Amino acid sequence: MAAVRISSRSGLPSLLLYLGIGIAIGQDGIFDVTFNNAELTQVIGYAALVVILAEGGLGTKWKEIKPALPAAAMLSIVGVAVSVGVTAAGAHYLVGLDWRQSLIIGAVVSSTDAAAVFSVLRKVPLPARITGVLEAESGFNDAPVVILVVAFSAKGSVDSWYVLVGEIALELAIGAAVGLAVGWLGSFGLRHVALPASGLYPIAVMAIAVSAYAAGAMAHGSGFLAVYLAAVILGNAKLPHWPATRGFADGLGWLAQIGMFVLLGLLVTPHDLYADFWPAVIVGLVLTVVARPLEVFISLAPFRLPWQEKALMSWAGLRGAVPIILATIPMVSGIEGSTRVFNIVFVLVVVYTVIQGPTLPWLAKALKIAEDPAEASDLGIESAPLERLRGHLLSVAIPGKSKMHGVEIGELRLPAGAAVTLVVRDGKSFVPAPSTALRHGDELLVVTTDPVRDAAEERLRAVGEGGKLAGWLGTTGTGGESLAGSHVAQDVAHALKTVTKRGKTDGPKAHQ
């Protein structure tokens, strides 16, 4: 756990510390443990990556990545092609690798790592449109990269480029369809079937996400894309006992990262890295300074984003364990020079993660696009189904900076069938009156009937974002629909009609 605290404070992805632990245990280390099973490492790495993608998808807010999907798709397809070509050319002409090895390296390092991106970006106060693009890209680009690495690592001649493009398009389409279907069916089932114990909900959510990977792979699609999309749907479906589920997934994600990185550290032989240090630095320089900026600026040209945001995205293309795992594919396939490819990728990832991770917050401030971390955060709402009573119990935590502060219970204007039954303030609970004003740090218990559960939660989130005038200001809830036509607007319209009628009635009397 000390490693977790150090990585969080330093701004470095936990990758480096856990890789260091693995290296210290392995060859040339303290315990001199010999481990060279690349195939086992690949299998375990794939399993860990599934868990990491699931955890990342569960924590991704749909309203943030929805506008970013077209840009992320361009980065994951067009951008990957640009990155592979430029990086492979640099590896061939500057380092002297043959074209097959160069193409493998170019493909391997073109994948941004989900674990590294999620762990670093969520600590950097960036605009939602930037984090949305980068997180979605890291979830999407694993699929085409895996296809390319497998194709380049196959014995015999490599398929024509148009064949590879067709395979990538087909696998992405199948993976997306499977992921969306599994995610929707899973969320529908969990929302309408009460499990016998609250502790089963986190297990069920992770099981559904992993099932999406299995279904996608069995359908000859992208299992990685399937698990990420399924997790995104589950994470935005307002499932029961969500905070507990989120904490469980976060813990599993950490365990997956720790196990995967330690195993990768065990696989490497430190004394073999010296000869490939400078080639790795040169290839990484081409990737970071030339390939990644070209990838970003070409892929995002149609979107007219400010150059500052494109520059930050160019620097935020973090690599992590995924490229190292993918570098085991040519080793398992027995490709000539595959050990050198693995060493170059390993050194490249470590060196440039050390450079990029801690400097990302500084660059965001220098480009003047970092946001204030003290902005209002979303309400924490946990739902517990009351199956026999056909209702729901919502536990609502009001965070600091929330605009629900100062709003009276009656001004919440919850739909009929929902009511605030209890308020917990400073460790003491009481039954509120309609005139009770809410404060930062309060916790509310809201009982709703099943038909109005979504409307009540949406109204609570809207008031948290826009205050008591949320309906007038057009503030939306998590469902994305404006509440301008909700209870507030209806009451205003009713009041205006009343005033108008009185004006018509009282006007003549006034002149008499």
Protein backbone atom coordinates (compact mmCIF):
# COMPACT_ATOMS: atom_id res chain seq x y z
CA MET A 1 0.00 0.00 0.00
CA ALA A 2 3.00 2.27 0.44
CA ALA A 3 3.60 1.94 -3.30
CA VAL A 4 0.05 3.17 -3.97
CA ARG A 5 0.57 6.26 -1.78
CA ILE A 6 3.93 7.08 -3.37
CA SER A 7 2.57 6.79 -6.91
CA SER A 8 -0.45 8.96 -6.06
CA ARG A 9 1.68 11.74 -4.56
CA SER A 10 4.39 11.71 -7.24
CA GLY A 11 2.00 11.76 -10.21
CA LEU A 12 3.62 8.64 -11.64
CA PRO A 13 1.46 5.72 -12.70
CA SER A 14 1.80 2.83 -10.28
CA LEU A 15 3.29 0.90 -13.19
CA LEU A 16 6.82 1.96 -12.38
CA LEU A 17 6.80 0.98 -8.72
CA TYR A 18 5.30 -2.43 -9.32
CA LEU A 19 7.61 -3.10 -12.24
CA GLY A 20 10.46 -2.22 -9.89
CA ILE A 21 9.18 -4.72 -7.34
CA GLY A 22 9.06 -7.42 -10.00
CA ILE A 23 12.57 -6.61 -11.20
CA ALA A 24 13.88 -6.66 -7.62
CA ILE A 25 12.41 -10.13 -7.11
CA GLY A 26 13.49 -11.53 -10.49
CA GLN A 27 16.76 -12.17 -12.26
CA ASP A 28 19.64 -9.92 -11.18
CA GLY A 29 17.46 -8.92 -8.21
CA ILE A 30 17.46 -9.63 -4.51
CA PHE A 31 15.87 -13.08 -4.74
CA ASP A 32 17.18 -13.93 -8.22
CA VAL A 33 13.95 -15.67 -9.26
CA THR A 34 14.13 -16.98 -12.84
CA PHE A 35 10.90 -16.55 -14.79
CA ASN A 36 10.76 -16.66 -18.59
CA ASN A 37 7.27 -17.93 -19.42
CA ALA A 38 6.09 -15.31 -21.94
CA GLU A 39 2.93 -17.26 -22.78
CA LEU A 40 1.74 -17.35 -19.15
CA THR A 41 2.56 -13.66 -18.80
CA GLN A 42 0.48 -12.89 -21.88
CA VAL A 43 -2.54 -14.86 -20.60
CA ILE A 44 -2.42 -13.26 -17.15
CA GLY A 45 -1.82 -9.87 -18.69
CA TYR A 46 -4.89 -10.19 -20.89
CA ALA A 47 -7.00 -11.18 -17.87
CA ALA A 48 -5.70 -8.23 -15.87
CA LEU A 49 -6.33 -5.87 -18.78
CA VAL A 50 -9.97 -7.01 -18.93
CA VAL A 51 -10.41 -6.11 -15.25
CA ILE A 52 -8.64 -2.77 -15.71
CA LEU A 53 -10.79 -1.86 -18.72
CA ALA A 54 -13.91 -2.86 -16.78
CA GLU A 55 -12.90 -0.69 -13.82
CA GLY A 56 -12.09 2.22 -16.12
CA GLY A 57 -15.41 1.91 -17.95
CA LEU A 58 -17.38 1.78 -14.69
CA GLY A 59 -15.79 5.05 -13.63
CA THR A 60 -16.34 6.81 -16.97
CA LYS A 61 -19.20 9.31 -17.07
CA TRP A 62 -21.25 8.99 -20.23
CA LYS A 63 -22.05 12.70 -20.37
CA GLU A 64 -18.30 13.42 -20.56
CA ILE A 65 -17.31 10.90 -23.21
CA LYS A 66 -20.44 11.14 -25.40
CA PRO A 67 -19.26 14.33 -27.17
CA ALA A 68 -15.75 12.82 -27.40
CA LEU A 69 -16.69 9.57 -29.18
CA PRO A 70 -16.07 10.79 -32.78
CA ALA A 71 -12.66 12.23 -31.85
CA ALA A 72 -11.70 9.11 -29.88
CA ALA A 73 -12.73 6.88 -32.79
CA MET A 74 -10.56 8.89 -35.19
CA LEU A 75 -7.58 8.65 -32.82
CA SER A 76 -8.13 4.91 -32.43
CA ILE A 77 -8.23 4.18 -36.16
CA VAL A 78 -6.61 6.92 -38.25
CA GLY A 79 -4.31 7.92 -35.41
CA VAL A 80 -3.07 4.38 -34.84
CA ALA A 81 -2.27 4.02 -38.55
CA VAL A 82 -0.25 7.27 -38.53
CA SER A 83 1.57 6.30 -35.33
CA VAL A 84 2.47 2.81 -36.57
CA GLY A 85 3.84 4.11 -39.87
CA VAL A 86 5.93 6.95 -38.42
CA THR A 87 7.30 4.94 -35.47
CA ALA A 88 8.13 1.93 -37.66
CA ALA A 89 9.99 4.16 -40.11
CA GLY A 90 12.01 5.65 -37.24
CA ALA A 91 12.85 2.21 -35.84
CA HIS A 92 13.95 0.97 -39.26
CA TYR A 93 16.02 3.93 -40.48
CA LEU A 94 17.40 5.25 -37.18
CA VAL A 95 17.92 2.04 -35.18
CA GLY A 96 18.46 -0.43 -38.01
CA LEU A 97 15.74 -2.97 -37.22
CA ASP A 98 14.25 -4.95 -40.08
CA TRP A 99 10.77 -4.00 -41.28
CA ARG A 100 8.91 -6.77 -39.48
CA GLN A 101 10.47 -5.89 -36.11
CA SER A 102 9.94 -2.18 -36.82
CA LEU A 103 6.25 -2.69 -37.65
CA ILE A 104 5.75 -4.79 -34.52
CA ILE A 105 7.29 -2.08 -32.34
CA GLY A 106 5.29 0.63 -34.11
CA ALA A 107 2.05 -1.27 -33.51
CA VAL A 108 2.85 -2.26 -29.94
CA VAL A 109 3.65 1.26 -28.71
CA SER A 110 0.73 2.87 -30.57
CA SER A 111 -1.67 1.70 -27.86
CA THR A 112 -2.20 4.13 -25.02
CA ASP A 113 -2.53 2.25 -21.75
CA ALA A 114 -5.88 2.35 -19.98
CA ALA A 115 -4.40 1.84 -16.50
CA ALA A 116 -1.85 4.65 -16.94
CA VAL A 117 -4.37 7.05 -18.48
CA PHE A 118 -7.07 6.40 -15.86
CA SER A 119 -4.66 6.66 -12.91
CA VAL A 120 -3.01 9.91 -14.04
CA LEU A 121 -5.80 11.85 -15.76
CA ARG A 122 -8.24 11.51 -12.86
CA LYS A 123 -5.77 13.37 -10.67
CA VAL A 124 -5.27 16.20 -13.18
CA PRO A 125 -8.01 18.90 -13.26
CA LEU A 126 -8.52 18.93 -17.05
CA PRO A 127 -11.67 19.91 -18.97
CA ALA A 128 -14.11 17.05 -19.42
CA ARG A 129 -13.82 17.14 -23.22
CA ILE A 130 -10.07 16.37 -23.01
CA THR A 131 -10.30 13.60 -20.42
CA GLY A 132 -13.28 12.17 -22.30
CA VAL A 133 -11.29 11.88 -25.54
CA LEU A 134 -8.20 10.42 -23.86
CA GLU A 135 -10.10 7.90 -21.73
CA ALA A 136 -12.28 6.75 -24.62
CA GLU A 137 -9.21 6.49 -26.86
CA SER A 138 -7.41 4.28 -24.33
CA GLY A 139 -10.47 2.04 -24.18
CA PHE A 140 -10.90 1.87 -27.97
CA ASN A 141 -7.40 1.64 -29.43
CA ASP A 142 -6.42 -1.69 -27.84
CA ALA A 143 -8.59 -3.54 -30.37
CA PRO A 144 -6.96 -2.39 -33.66
CA VAL A 145 -3.50 -2.56 -32.12
CA VAL A 146 -3.94 -6.17 -30.99
CA ILE A 147 -5.08 -7.11 -34.51
CA LEU A 148 -2.03 -5.43 -36.06
CA VAL A 149 0.45 -6.98 -33.63
CA VAL A 150 -0.98 -10.47 -34.18
CA ALA A 151 -0.87 -9.95 -37.96
CA PHE A 152 2.73 -8.69 -37.93
CA SER A 153 3.78 -11.52 -35.58
CA ALA A 154 2.28 -14.29 -37.71
CA LYS A 155 4.76 -16.54 -39.46
CA GLY A 156 4.86 -16.11 -43.21
CA SER A 157 3.87 -13.03 -45.18
CA VAL A 158 1.79 -10.25 -43.68
CA ASP A 159 -1.73 -9.71 -45.06
CA SER A 160 -2.35 -6.79 -47.40
CA TRP A 161 -3.26 -3.49 -45.80
CA TYR A 162 -6.86 -3.56 -47.06
CA VAL A 163 -7.34 -7.01 -45.52
CA LEU A 164 -6.09 -5.70 -42.17
CA VAL A 165 -8.40 -2.68 -42.41
CA GLY A 166 -11.36 -4.95 -43.10
CA GLU A 167 -10.50 -7.21 -40.16
CA ILE A 168 -10.15 -4.25 -37.83
CA ALA A 169 -13.48 -2.75 -38.93
CA LEU A 170 -15.31 -6.07 -38.57
CA GLU A 171 -13.87 -6.90 -35.15
CA LEU A 172 -14.61 -3.41 -33.85
CA ALA A 173 -18.19 -3.58 -35.10
CA ILE A 174 -18.79 -7.00 -33.55
CA GLY A 175 -17.14 -5.99 -30.26
CA ALA A 176 -19.17 -2.78 -30.04
CA ALA A 177 -22.44 -4.58 -30.74
CA VAL A 178 -21.72 -7.30 -28.17
CA GLY A 179 -20.58 -4.83 -25.52
CA LEU A 180 -23.63 -2.59 -25.92
CA ALA A 181 -26.00 -5.58 -25.85
CA VAL A 182 -24.43 -7.22 -22.79
CA GLY A 183 -24.21 -3.92 -20.93
CA TRP A 184 -27.85 -3.03 -21.59
CA LEU A 185 -29.16 -6.49 -20.71
CA GLY A 186 -27.03 -6.62 -17.57
CA SER A 187 -28.09 -3.19 -16.34
CA PHE A 188 -31.76 -3.95 -17.07
CA GLY A 189 -31.57 -7.17 -15.08
CA LEU A 190 -29.80 -5.62 -12.09
CA ARG A 191 -32.28 -2.75 -11.93
CA HIS A 192 -35.34 -5.00 -11.99
CA VAL A 193 -34.21 -8.02 -9.99
CA ALA A 194 -33.34 -7.61 -6.31
CA LEU A 195 -30.44 -9.86 -5.30
CA PRO A 196 -30.63 -11.56 -1.87
CA ALA A 197 -27.58 -9.70 -0.51
CA SER A 198 -26.13 -6.26 -1.25
CA GLY A 199 -22.63 -7.76 -1.50
CA LEU A 200 -23.69 -9.67 -4.63
CA TYR A 201 -24.19 -6.52 -6.70
CA PRO A 202 -20.45 -5.70 -7.11
CA ILE A 203 -19.72 -9.32 -8.06
CA ALA A 204 -22.60 -9.37 -10.53
CA VAL A 205 -21.47 -6.15 -12.21
CA MET A 206 -17.90 -7.38 -12.70
CA ALA A 207 -19.17 -10.78 -13.89
CA ILE A 208 -21.33 -9.09 -16.53
CA ALA A 209 -18.40 -6.97 -17.73
CA VAL A 210 -16.10 -10.00 -18.00
CA SER A 211 -18.88 -11.90 -19.79
CA ALA A 212 -18.91 -9.16 -22.41
CA TYR A 213 -15.25 -9.85 -23.15
CA ALA A 214 -15.88 -13.58 -23.45
CA ALA A 215 -18.92 -13.07 -25.70
CA GLY A 216 -17.05 -10.62 -27.91
CA ALA A 217 -14.06 -12.92 -28.30
CA MET A 218 -16.27 -15.93 -29.04
CA ALA A 219 -18.06 -13.92 -31.74
CA HIS A 220 -14.65 -13.17 -33.33
CA GLY A 221 -14.93 -9.54 -32.34
CA SER A 222 -12.90 -7.25 -30.10
CA GLY A 223 -13.35 -8.49 -26.56
CA PHE A 224 -11.49 -5.48 -25.18
CA LEU A 225 -13.89 -3.02 -26.81
CA ALA A 226 -16.84 -5.15 -25.68
CA VAL A 227 -15.84 -5.15 -22.01
CA TYR A 228 -15.14 -1.40 -22.01
CA LEU A 229 -18.48 -0.46 -23.59
CA ALA A 230 -20.41 -2.87 -21.38
CA ALA A 231 -18.74 -1.35 -18.31
CA VAL A 232 -19.54 2.20 -19.47
CA ILE A 233 -23.23 1.30 -19.77
CA LEU A 234 -23.25 -0.41 -16.38
CA GLY A 235 -21.43 2.52 -14.79
CA ASN A 236 -24.05 5.00 -15.99
CA ALA A 237 -27.16 2.90 -15.33
CA LYS A 238 -27.85 4.07 -11.73
CA LEU A 239 -27.53 0.57 -10.35
CA PRO A 240 -28.39 -0.32 -6.74
CA HIS A 241 -25.59 -0.08 -4.15
CA TRP A 242 -23.41 1.78 -6.63
CA PRO A 243 -20.78 3.24 -4.23
CA ALA A 244 -20.04 -0.26 -2.90
CA THR A 245 -19.82 -1.60 -6.45
CA ARG A 246 -17.49 1.21 -7.49
CA GLY A 247 -15.20 0.59 -4.52
CA PHE A 248 -15.10 -3.14 -5.21
CA ALA A 249 -14.20 -2.55 -8.88
CA ASP A 250 -11.52 -0.05 -7.90
CA GLY A 251 -9.95 -2.58 -5.54
CA LEU A 252 -9.99 -5.29 -8.21
CA GLY A 253 -8.41 -2.86 -10.65
CA TRP A 254 -5.56 -2.18 -8.25
CA LEU A 255 -5.01 -5.90 -7.66
CA ALA A 256 -4.95 -6.53 -11.41
CA GLN A 257 -2.41 -3.76 -11.94
CA ILE A 258 -0.18 -4.96 -9.12
CA GLY A 259 -0.17 -8.56 -10.27
CA MET A 260 0.33 -7.70 -13.93
CA PHE A 261 3.17 -5.23 -13.38
CA VAL A 262 5.04 -7.45 -10.93
CA LEU A 263 4.82 -10.34 -13.39
CA LEU A 264 6.14 -8.17 -16.23
CA GLY A 265 9.02 -7.10 -13.99
CA LEU A 266 9.81 -10.75 -13.33
CA LEU A 267 9.85 -11.54 -17.06
CA VAL A 268 12.48 -8.96 -17.95
CA THR A 269 16.22 -9.64 -17.62
CA PRO A 270 17.84 -6.38 -16.45
CA HIS A 271 21.37 -7.05 -17.74
CA ASP A 272 19.95 -7.53 -21.26
CA LEU A 273 18.45 -4.05 -21.26
CA TYR A 274 21.70 -2.09 -21.41
CA ALA A 275 22.38 -2.85 -25.08
CA ASP A 276 18.89 -1.73 -26.07
CA PHE A 277 18.69 1.40 -23.90
CA TRP A 278 19.63 3.99 -26.53
CA PRO A 279 17.66 2.35 -29.35
CA ALA A 280 14.62 2.46 -27.04
CA VAL A 281 15.24 6.14 -26.26
CA ILE A 282 15.51 6.97 -29.98
CA VAL A 283 12.34 5.07 -30.90
CA GLY A 284 10.53 6.68 -27.96
CA LEU A 285 11.67 10.11 -29.06
CA VAL A 286 10.25 9.52 -32.54
CA LEU A 287 7.01 8.25 -31.01
CA THR A 288 6.61 11.08 -28.50
CA VAL A 289 7.88 14.09 -30.47
CA VAL A 290 6.88 13.16 -34.04
CA ALA A 291 4.40 10.27 -34.28
CA ARG A 292 2.02 11.16 -31.44
CA PRO A 293 1.67 14.88 -32.36
CA LEU A 294 1.10 13.97 -36.02
CA GLU A 295 -1.42 11.35 -34.93
CA VAL A 296 -3.34 13.89 -32.83
CA PHE A 297 -3.24 16.84 -35.22
CA ILE A 298 -4.17 14.77 -38.30
CA SER A 299 -6.92 12.77 -36.58
CA LEU A 300 -8.48 15.77 -34.84
CA ALA A 301 -8.20 18.20 -37.78
CA PRO A 302 -11.95 17.96 -38.56
CA PHE A 303 -12.93 18.89 -34.98
CA ARG A 304 -11.41 22.39 -34.81
CA LEU A 305 -10.08 22.04 -31.29
CA PRO A 306 -7.70 24.70 -29.92
CA TRP A 307 -4.05 23.94 -30.56
CA GLN A 308 -3.39 24.01 -26.81
CA GLU A 309 -5.73 21.07 -26.26
CA LYS A 310 -4.18 19.14 -29.14
CA ALA A 311 -0.72 19.80 -27.71
CA LEU A 312 -1.78 18.46 -24.32
CA MET A 313 -3.35 15.37 -25.90
CA SER A 314 -0.10 14.80 -27.78
CA TRP A 315 1.83 14.72 -24.53
CA ALA A 316 -0.83 12.74 -22.65
CA GLY A 317 -0.58 9.62 -24.83
CA LEU A 318 0.67 7.57 -21.89
CA ARG A 319 2.06 4.08 -22.41
CA GLY A 320 2.03 1.45 -19.71
CA ALA A 321 1.65 -2.26 -19.24
CA VAL A 322 -0.42 -2.84 -22.40
CA PRO A 323 2.50 -2.31 -24.83
CA ILE A 324 4.70 -4.57 -22.70
CA ILE A 325 2.01 -7.29 -22.70
CA LEU A 326 1.58 -6.96 -26.46
CA ALA A 327 5.34 -7.28 -26.87
CA THR A 328 5.03 -10.86 -25.59
CA ILE A 329 2.96 -11.84 -28.66
CA PRO A 330 5.97 -12.06 -31.04
CA MET A 331 7.89 -13.89 -28.30
CA VAL A 332 5.15 -16.53 -28.08
CA SER A 333 5.02 -16.72 -31.89
CA GLY A 334 8.79 -17.29 -32.07
CA ILE A 335 9.53 -14.27 -34.29
CA GLU A 336 13.26 -13.65 -34.82
CA GLY A 337 14.51 -10.78 -32.68
CA SER A 338 11.38 -10.79 -30.51
CA THR A 339 13.43 -10.63 -27.28
CA ARG A 340 15.06 -7.42 -28.48
CA VAL A 341 11.65 -6.02 -29.41
CA PHE A 342 10.43 -6.77 -25.87
CA ASN A 343 13.49 -5.10 -24.30
CA ILE A 344 13.14 -1.98 -26.44
CA VAL A 345 9.43 -1.66 -25.60
CA PHE A 346 10.11 -2.22 -21.89
CA VAL A 347 12.78 0.49 -21.69
CA LEU A 348 10.74 2.90 -23.84
CA VAL A 349 7.68 2.56 -21.60
CA VAL A 350 9.62 3.05 -18.38
CA VAL A 351 11.69 6.03 -19.55
CA TYR A 352 8.88 8.00 -21.13
CA THR A 353 6.38 7.25 -18.36
CA VAL A 354 8.87 8.79 -15.93
CA ILE A 355 9.02 11.88 -18.13
CA GLN A 356 5.39 12.30 -19.20
CA GLY A 357 3.43 11.37 -16.07
CA PRO A 358 4.75 13.99 -13.61
CA THR A 359 5.00 16.76 -16.23
CA LEU A 360 1.40 16.48 -17.44
CA PRO A 361 -0.09 18.74 -14.70
CA TRP A 362 2.68 21.30 -15.30
CA LEU A 363 1.98 21.35 -19.05
CA ALA A 364 -1.75 21.75 -18.45
CA LYS A 365 -1.07 24.82 -16.31
CA ALA A 366 1.46 26.20 -18.81
CA LEU A 367 -1.08 25.90 -21.62
CA LYS A 368 -3.71 27.49 -19.34
CA ILE A 369 -6.26 24.73 -19.76
CA ALA A 370 -6.21 23.24 -16.25
CA GLU A 371 -9.47 23.63 -14.38
CA ASP A 372 -10.08 24.59 -10.77
CA PRO A 373 -10.11 21.34 -8.76
CA ALA A 374 -12.54 22.94 -6.31
CA GLU A 375 -15.43 22.92 -8.81
CA ALA A 376 -18.73 21.49 -7.60
CA SER A 377 -18.72 17.73 -7.62
CA ASP A 378 -21.61 15.47 -8.46
CA LEU A 379 -23.98 14.27 -5.77
CA GLY A 380 -23.21 10.87 -4.30
CA ILE A 381 -26.45 8.89 -4.65
CA GLU A 382 -26.76 5.26 -3.61
CA SER A 383 -29.91 3.29 -4.32
CA ALA A 384 -31.15 0.27 -2.41
CA PRO A 385 -34.17 -1.53 -3.92
CA LEU A 386 -37.15 -2.30 -1.67
CA GLU A 387 -38.59 -5.12 -3.76
CA ARG A 388 -41.54 -6.12 -1.56
CA LEU A 389 -42.57 -2.48 -1.13
CA ARG A 390 -42.02 -1.73 -4.82
CA GLY A 391 -39.88 1.25 -3.96
CA HIS A 392 -36.34 2.53 -3.60
CA LEU A 393 -34.36 4.12 -0.80
CA LEU A 394 -31.92 6.77 -2.07
CA SER A 395 -28.99 7.81 0.09
CA VAL A 396 -27.84 11.27 -1.05
CA ALA A 397 -24.57 12.89 0.10
CA ILE A 398 -24.24 16.64 -0.53
CA PRO A 399 -20.58 17.46 -1.33
CA GLY A 400 -18.77 20.74 -0.81
CA LYS A 401 -19.46 23.42 -3.45
CA SER A 402 -22.80 21.78 -4.31
CA LYS A 403 -25.50 24.30 -5.17
CA MET A 404 -27.97 22.29 -3.12
CA HIS A 405 -26.57 24.17 -0.11
CA GLY A 406 -29.24 26.55 1.19
CA VAL A 407 -32.09 24.90 -0.71
CA GLU A 408 -35.10 24.10 1.44
CA ILE A 409 -36.69 20.64 1.38
CA GLY A 410 -39.86 22.04 -0.19
CA GLU A 411 -37.82 23.77 -2.89
CA LEU A 412 -36.43 20.45 -4.10
CA ARG A 413 -39.82 19.92 -5.76
CA LEU A 414 -39.46 16.15 -5.97
CA PRO A 415 -42.06 14.31 -8.06
CA ALA A 416 -45.17 12.94 -6.38
CA GLY A 417 -44.25 9.59 -4.90
CA ALA A 418 -40.85 10.76 -3.56
CA ALA A 419 -40.09 12.35 -0.19
CA VAL A 420 -37.10 13.25 1.99
CA THR A 421 -37.67 11.21 5.14
CA LEU A 422 -34.46 11.80 7.11
CA VAL A 423 -31.49 14.19 7.22
CA VAL A 424 -28.18 13.35 8.88
CA ARG A 425 -26.17 16.44 9.88
CA ASP A 426 -23.03 16.51 12.02
CA GLY A 427 -23.65 12.93 13.12
CA LYS A 428 -27.22 13.60 14.23
CA SER A 429 -30.35 12.56 12.34
CA PHE A 430 -33.74 14.29 12.28
CA VAL A 431 -36.95 14.31 10.25
CA PRO A 432 -36.93 17.50 8.16
CA ALA A 433 -39.74 19.98 7.70
CA PRO A 434 -40.53 21.52 4.29
CA SER A 435 -38.69 24.67 5.40
CA THR A 436 -35.50 22.84 6.50
CA ALA A 437 -32.51 24.28 4.59
CA LEU A 438 -29.91 21.79 3.40
CA ARG A 439 -26.19 22.25 4.00
CA HIS A 440 -22.89 20.97 2.64
CA GLY A 441 -22.08 17.61 4.19
CA ASP A 442 -25.69 16.63 4.81
CA GLU A 443 -26.85 13.12 4.01
CA LEU A 444 -30.45 12.59 2.95
CA LEU A 445 -32.63 9.52 2.86
CA VAL A 446 -35.17 9.79 0.05
CA VAL A 447 -37.92 7.19 -0.36
CA THR A 448 -39.41 6.88 -3.85
CA THR A 449 -41.89 4.61 -5.51
CA ASP A 450 -40.54 2.56 -8.39
CA PRO A 451 -42.12 4.58 -11.25
CA VAL A 452 -40.62 7.93 -10.13
CA ARG A 453 -37.20 6.71 -8.98
CA ASP A 454 -35.38 7.99 -12.11
CA ALA A 455 -37.20 11.32 -12.12
CA ALA A 456 -36.41 11.87 -8.42
CA GLU A 457 -32.72 11.12 -8.90
CA GLU A 458 -32.56 13.33 -11.98
CA ARG A 459 -34.20 16.19 -10.09
CA LEU A 460 -31.80 15.84 -7.17
CA ARG A 461 -28.77 15.97 -9.49
CA ALA A 462 -30.19 18.97 -11.34
CA VAL A 463 -30.66 20.92 -8.09
CA GLY A 464 -27.12 19.94 -7.07
CA GLU A 465 -25.81 21.47 -10.29
CA GLY A 466 -28.11 24.47 -10.67
CA GLY A 467 -29.60 25.20 -7.27
CA LYS A 468 -33.27 25.87 -6.59
CA LEU A 469 -33.61 27.52 -10.03
CA ALA A 470 -32.41 24.44 -11.86
CA GLY A 471 -35.57 24.14 -13.96
CA TRP A 472 -35.53 27.81 -14.96
CA LEU A 473 -31.85 27.68 -15.93
CA GLY A 474 -32.34 24.61 -18.09
CA THR A 475 -30.03 22.52 -15.92
CA THR A 476 -30.06 18.88 -16.86
CA GLY A 477 -29.79 15.79 -14.74
CA THR A 478 -27.73 12.73 -15.54
CA GLY A 479 -30.30 11.65 -18.05
CA GLY A 480 -29.28 14.60 -20.24
CA GLU A 481 -32.83 15.96 -20.67
CA SER A 482 -33.60 19.53 -19.69
CA LEU A 483 -35.72 20.01 -16.63
CA ALA A 484 -37.11 23.26 -17.92
CA GLY A 485 -40.46 21.56 -18.29
CA SER A 486 -40.43 20.05 -14.80
CA HIS A 487 -42.25 21.07 -11.61
CA VAL A 488 -40.52 24.44 -11.29
CA ALA A 489 -41.44 25.55 -14.78
CA GLN A 490 -44.99 24.29 -14.35
CA ASP A 491 -45.36 26.18 -11.09
CA VAL A 492 -44.03 29.35 -12.72
CA ALA A 493 -46.47 28.98 -15.61
CA HIS A 494 -49.32 28.44 -13.13
CA ALA A 495 -48.28 31.54 -11.16
CA LEU A 496 -48.14 33.65 -14.31
CA LYS A 497 -51.62 32.51 -15.33
CA THR A 498 -52.92 33.41 -11.88
CA VAL A 499 -51.35 36.88 -12.06
CA THR A 500 -52.75 37.38 -15.55
CA LYS A 501 -56.26 36.41 -14.46
CA ARG A 502 -56.07 38.70 -11.45
CA GLY A 503 -54.79 41.51 -13.64
CA LYS A 504 -57.74 41.12 -15.99
CA THR A 505 -60.21 41.00 -13.09
CA ASP A 506 -58.71 43.66 -10.87
CA GLY A 507 -57.79 46.08 -13.63
CA PRO A 508 -61.26 47.56 -14.26
CA LYS A 509 -61.99 47.75 -10.56
CA ALA A 510 -58.91 49.83 -10.06
CA HIS A 511 -60.19 52.40 -12.50
CA GLN A 512 -63.63 52.55 -11.01
